[in-house]
Amino acid sequence: MCDKLTRRQDPGHQILQLFRDRQPKLSAEFEAFAAYWNAKRGAGGVPLLSDIDIGHLESLRNNAFIGERIAPGIARIRIAGEQLDALLGSDPRGLPLTALIARPSRYDLADSLVEVFDRPAILQAGLVSHAAENRPLLSAELVLLPLLSDLGDISRVLGCVIFQGS
């Protein structure tokens, strides 16, 4: 994950947008993912977890996941598509979101998670792993979108990560 965090307030809906290093241009797949979330949120605010059906995310359902806040800066994966399973080599349910991030960058993700849940905010980040023996260079784009629990608190996140190996 990159070091620089850029913030932009969405004045119409009071959702903060967080960007790592630069404001990334969303791919068409991510545009559809964000459009689904925006449609569920209606006239503003944050959509309910119960209104989200990962099965309706078409081509990204294997890249999507639901995370649950368990403490400030800490969220665990509750539901995950097959791509996260393949990346981690095991079922990611119950793992912290930081399992996707190298140790030196986990503090950056933790700080961003606080903002995603507390403000609320949308996080977009570019991720990259360095090539190593038996492991190619891997890059990815990550989007985290806040969700309301059935109790009305922002304690869930709809996430998507698209990997591009080389």
Protein backbone atom coordinates (compact mmCIF):
# COMPACT_ATOMS: atom_id res chain seq x y z
CA MET A 1 0.00 0.00 0.00
CA CYS A 2 1.23 3.49 -0.73
CA ASP A 3 2.03 6.02 1.98
CA LYS A 4 0.06 9.08 0.98
CA LEU A 5 -3.62 9.43 1.90
CA THR A 6 -5.74 11.95 0.03
CA ARG A 7 -9.17 12.90 1.36
CA ARG A 8 -12.09 14.38 -0.54
CA GLN A 9 -15.47 15.09 1.03
CA ASP A 10 -18.58 14.25 -0.97
CA PRO A 11 -20.70 17.27 0.04
CA GLY A 12 -23.95 15.80 -1.27
CA HIS A 13 -23.80 12.61 0.74
CA GLN A 14 -21.31 13.24 3.56
CA ILE A 15 -19.19 10.23 2.59
CA LEU A 16 -15.46 10.86 2.71
CA GLN A 17 -13.39 9.38 -0.10
CA LEU A 18 -9.95 8.06 0.82
CA PHE A 19 -7.30 7.47 -1.82
CA ARG A 20 -3.86 5.96 -1.38
CA ASP A 21 -1.15 7.95 -3.21
CA ARG A 22 -3.39 9.16 -6.03
CA GLN A 23 -7.02 9.19 -7.00
CA PRO A 24 -7.29 6.00 -9.03
CA LYS A 25 -9.51 5.79 -12.06
CA LEU A 26 -11.92 2.96 -11.49
CA SER A 27 -12.04 0.17 -14.04
CA ALA A 28 -15.38 -0.62 -15.66
CA GLU A 29 -15.71 -3.58 -13.28
CA PHE A 30 -15.20 -1.38 -10.22
CA GLU A 31 -17.59 1.21 -11.67
CA ALA A 32 -20.31 -1.47 -11.78
CA PHE A 33 -19.41 -2.54 -8.23
CA ALA A 34 -19.65 1.05 -6.95
CA ALA A 35 -22.88 1.61 -8.91
CA TYR A 36 -24.46 -1.40 -7.17
CA TRP A 37 -23.52 0.02 -3.73
CA ASN A 38 -24.73 3.51 -4.72
CA ALA A 39 -28.07 2.12 -5.89
CA LYS A 40 -28.51 0.38 -2.54
CA ARG A 41 -27.76 3.56 -0.59
CA GLY A 42 -30.53 5.48 -2.33
CA ALA A 43 -30.71 9.21 -1.62
CA GLY A 44 -27.56 9.21 0.43
CA GLY A 45 -26.10 7.68 3.50
CA VAL A 46 -24.90 4.14 3.84
CA PRO A 47 -26.78 1.04 2.64
CA LEU A 48 -27.85 -1.77 4.95
CA LEU A 49 -25.91 -5.02 4.95
CA SER A 50 -29.22 -6.85 4.55
CA ASP A 51 -29.77 -5.05 1.22
CA ILE A 52 -26.52 -6.37 -0.24
CA ASP A 53 -26.42 -9.64 -2.20
CA ILE A 54 -22.94 -10.51 -3.41
CA GLY A 55 -24.55 -12.85 -5.96
CA HIS A 56 -25.82 -9.79 -7.83
CA LEU A 57 -22.32 -8.44 -8.36
CA GLU A 58 -21.96 -10.44 -11.58
CA SER A 59 -18.33 -10.66 -12.69
CA LEU A 60 -16.96 -9.42 -9.35
CA ARG A 61 -18.73 -11.78 -6.97
CA ASN A 62 -15.57 -13.93 -6.77
CA ASN A 63 -13.56 -10.83 -5.83
CA ALA A 64 -16.04 -9.40 -3.31
CA PHE A 65 -16.14 -9.82 0.43
CA ILE A 66 -17.97 -8.60 3.51
CA GLY A 67 -15.90 -7.42 6.45
CA GLU A 68 -17.00 -6.84 10.05
CA ARG A 69 -15.50 -4.29 12.41
CA ILE A 70 -14.42 -5.93 15.64
CA ALA A 71 -12.44 -3.01 17.11
CA PRO A 72 -11.16 0.38 15.92
CA GLY A 73 -8.85 -0.29 12.97
CA ILE A 74 -9.60 -4.01 12.98
CA ALA A 75 -12.06 -5.83 10.73
CA ARG A 76 -12.37 -9.50 9.90
CA ILE A 77 -13.56 -11.16 6.74
CA ARG A 78 -17.02 -12.70 7.17
CA ILE A 79 -17.91 -13.72 3.62
CA ALA A 80 -15.44 -13.93 0.74
CA GLY A 81 -15.33 -14.84 -2.93
CA GLU A 82 -13.09 -17.51 -4.38
CA GLN A 83 -10.30 -15.12 -5.39
CA LEU A 84 -9.41 -14.31 -1.77
CA ASP A 85 -9.47 -18.02 -0.98
CA ALA A 86 -7.05 -18.68 -3.86
CA LEU A 87 -4.76 -15.79 -2.91
CA LEU A 88 -4.45 -16.78 0.74
CA GLY A 89 -4.41 -20.52 0.07
CA SER A 90 -7.18 -21.17 2.59
CA ASP A 91 -10.64 -20.06 3.60
CA PRO A 92 -10.28 -16.35 4.54
CA ARG A 93 -13.42 -16.22 6.73
CA GLY A 94 -12.51 -15.05 10.21
CA LEU A 95 -9.14 -13.63 9.15
CA PRO A 96 -8.42 -9.94 9.67
CA LEU A 97 -8.50 -7.74 6.56
CA THR A 98 -4.86 -6.99 7.29
CA ALA A 99 -4.07 -10.58 6.19
CA LEU A 100 -4.24 -9.16 2.65
CA ILE A 101 -1.56 -6.56 3.39
CA ALA A 102 2.17 -6.88 4.12
CA ARG A 103 3.13 -6.20 7.73
CA PRO A 104 4.72 -2.73 7.21
CA SER A 105 1.51 -1.39 5.60
CA ARG A 106 -0.98 -2.84 8.08
CA TYR A 107 -0.95 0.32 10.18
CA ASP A 108 -1.99 2.33 7.11
CA LEU A 109 -4.89 -0.03 6.51
CA ALA A 110 -5.88 0.10 10.20
CA ASP A 111 -5.95 3.92 10.10
CA SER A 112 -8.04 3.82 6.93
CA LEU A 113 -10.47 1.32 8.47
CA VAL A 114 -11.10 3.71 11.35
CA GLU A 115 -12.13 6.37 8.83
CA VAL A 116 -14.21 3.96 6.72
CA PHE A 117 -16.30 3.03 9.75
CA ASP A 118 -16.29 6.27 11.75
CA ARG A 119 -16.74 9.02 9.14
CA PRO A 120 -18.04 6.97 7.06
CA ALA A 121 -15.61 6.81 4.15
CA ILE A 122 -14.91 4.97 0.92
CA LEU A 123 -11.40 3.60 0.52
CA GLN A 124 -9.70 3.00 -2.83
CA ALA A 125 -6.14 1.68 -2.75
CA GLY A 126 -3.60 0.25 -5.14
CA LEU A 127 -1.75 -2.75 -3.75
CA VAL A 128 1.44 -4.39 -4.98
CA SER A 129 3.57 -7.29 -3.83
CA HIS A 130 7.13 -7.71 -4.98
CA ALA A 131 8.18 -10.72 -7.00
CA ALA A 132 10.01 -13.40 -5.07
CA GLU A 133 11.13 -16.96 -5.62
CA ASN A 134 8.12 -19.00 -6.79
CA ARG A 135 5.91 -15.89 -6.61
CA PRO A 136 5.34 -13.44 -9.46
CA LEU A 137 4.74 -9.71 -9.09
CA LEU A 138 1.13 -9.23 -8.03
CA SER A 139 -0.78 -5.98 -8.12
CA ALA A 140 -4.34 -5.28 -7.11
CA GLU A 141 -6.93 -2.58 -6.61
CA LEU A 142 -8.93 -2.55 -3.38
CA VAL A 143 -12.23 -0.77 -2.70
CA LEU A 144 -13.96 -0.71 0.71
CA LEU A 145 -17.53 0.63 0.99
CA PRO A 146 -19.22 1.09 4.39
CA LEU A 147 -22.42 -0.75 5.33
CA LEU A 148 -24.95 -0.43 8.15
CA SER A 149 -25.59 -3.45 10.35
CA ASP A 150 -29.14 -4.43 11.23
CA LEU A 151 -28.61 -2.48 14.48
CA GLY A 152 -28.01 0.71 12.50
CA ASP A 153 -24.29 1.14 13.20
CA ILE A 154 -21.60 1.24 10.52
CA SER A 155 -19.80 -1.96 11.44
CA ARG A 156 -19.69 -3.78 8.10
CA VAL A 157 -17.86 -3.12 4.86
CA LEU A 158 -18.44 -4.31 1.31
CA GLY A 159 -15.06 -4.87 -0.26
CA CYS A 160 -13.65 -5.89 -3.58
CA VAL A 161 -10.13 -6.65 -4.67
CA ILE A 162 -9.08 -7.29 -8.27
CA PHE A 163 -5.71 -8.94 -8.76
CA GLN A 164 -3.47 -8.61 -11.79
CA GLY A 165 -0.52 -10.98 -11.73
CA SER A 166 2.33 -10.70 -14.18
